[in-house]
Amino acid sequence: MIGAPTGRMLARMLGAAAWHEAEHKAGRHRRAGRQKARAGKPHRAGNRRADAGPPLMITESLVPEELAAK
């Protein structure tokens, strides 16, 4: 399909649309970061690494105490 002129045109159009979306998304992220900085909020990006420290504290038992006693 890409060997034909129509296929190459379609591939270029899809690539251009993806490039546009990536630039648009990057701009939104930059604006959001600037807004957070102006508001004094911390910068948070990505997921927590598995070795980033102790897990969050669980405030209540996941297993009812009656079942745990058996």
Protein backbone atom coordinates (compact mmCIF):
# COMPACT_ATOMS: atom_id res chain seq x y z
CA MET A 1 0.00 0.00 0.00
CA ILE A 2 2.81 2.44 0.81
CA GLY A 3 4.46 1.57 -2.48
CA ALA A 4 1.68 3.40 -4.34
CA PRO A 5 1.44 7.21 -4.47
CA THR A 6 -1.95 7.15 -2.71
CA GLY A 7 -0.55 5.03 0.10
CA ARG A 8 2.41 7.37 0.61
CA MET A 9 0.05 10.36 0.67
CA LEU A 10 -2.15 8.65 3.28
CA ALA A 11 0.90 7.78 5.42
CA ARG A 12 2.11 11.40 5.27
CA MET A 13 -1.34 12.72 6.22
CA LEU A 14 -1.63 10.34 9.17
CA GLY A 15 1.89 11.23 10.29
CA ALA A 16 1.11 14.96 10.06
CA ALA A 17 -2.07 14.50 12.11
CA ALA A 18 -0.15 12.57 14.79
CA TRP A 19 2.58 15.25 14.86
CA HIS A 20 -0.07 17.97 15.29
CA GLU A 21 -1.70 16.13 18.17
CA ALA A 22 1.66 15.60 19.89
CA GLU A 23 2.49 19.32 19.63
CA HIS A 24 -1.00 20.26 20.82
CA LYS A 25 -0.73 17.93 23.84
CA ALA A 26 2.74 19.24 24.73
CA GLY A 27 1.39 22.79 24.69
CA ARG A 28 -1.44 21.85 27.04
CA HIS A 29 1.02 20.22 29.42
CA ARG A 30 3.30 23.28 29.38
CA ARG A 31 0.38 25.60 30.11
CA ALA A 32 -0.83 23.36 32.94
CA GLY A 33 2.67 23.32 34.44
CA ARG A 34 2.94 27.11 34.31
CA GLN A 35 -0.50 27.46 35.92
CA LYS A 36 0.48 25.08 38.72
CA ALA A 37 3.74 26.98 39.27
CA ARG A 38 1.90 30.30 39.49
CA ALA A 39 -0.55 28.79 41.98
CA GLY A 40 2.32 27.38 44.07
CA LYS A 41 1.26 23.78 43.56
CA PRO A 42 3.86 21.02 43.37
CA HIS A 43 4.99 19.50 40.10
CA ARG A 44 3.83 15.90 39.86
CA ALA A 45 4.54 13.80 36.83
CA GLY A 46 4.40 10.10 36.10
CA ASN A 47 3.69 7.13 38.30
CA ARG A 48 5.41 6.28 41.55
CA ARG A 49 8.32 3.93 41.13
CA ALA A 50 8.02 0.59 42.90
CA ASP A 51 11.08 1.43 45.03
CA ALA A 52 10.05 5.02 45.80
CA GLY A 53 9.49 4.35 49.49
CA PRO A 54 6.93 2.85 51.79
CA PRO A 55 3.44 2.28 50.42
CA LEU A 56 0.53 4.46 51.43
CA MET A 57 -0.90 3.64 54.83
CA ILE A 58 -4.09 1.58 54.95
CA THR A 59 -6.40 3.01 57.59
CA GLU A 60 -8.79 0.10 57.94
CA SER A 61 -8.50 -3.64 57.68
CA LEU A 62 -9.16 -5.16 54.30
CA VAL A 63 -10.27 -8.40 55.96
CA PRO A 64 -13.01 -8.29 58.61
CA GLU A 65 -11.61 -9.17 62.03
CA GLU A 66 -13.98 -12.15 62.35
CA LEU A 67 -12.45 -13.78 59.25
CA ALA A 68 -8.89 -12.97 60.32
CA ALA A 69 -9.41 -14.72 63.69
CA LYS A 70 -10.32 -18.07 62.05
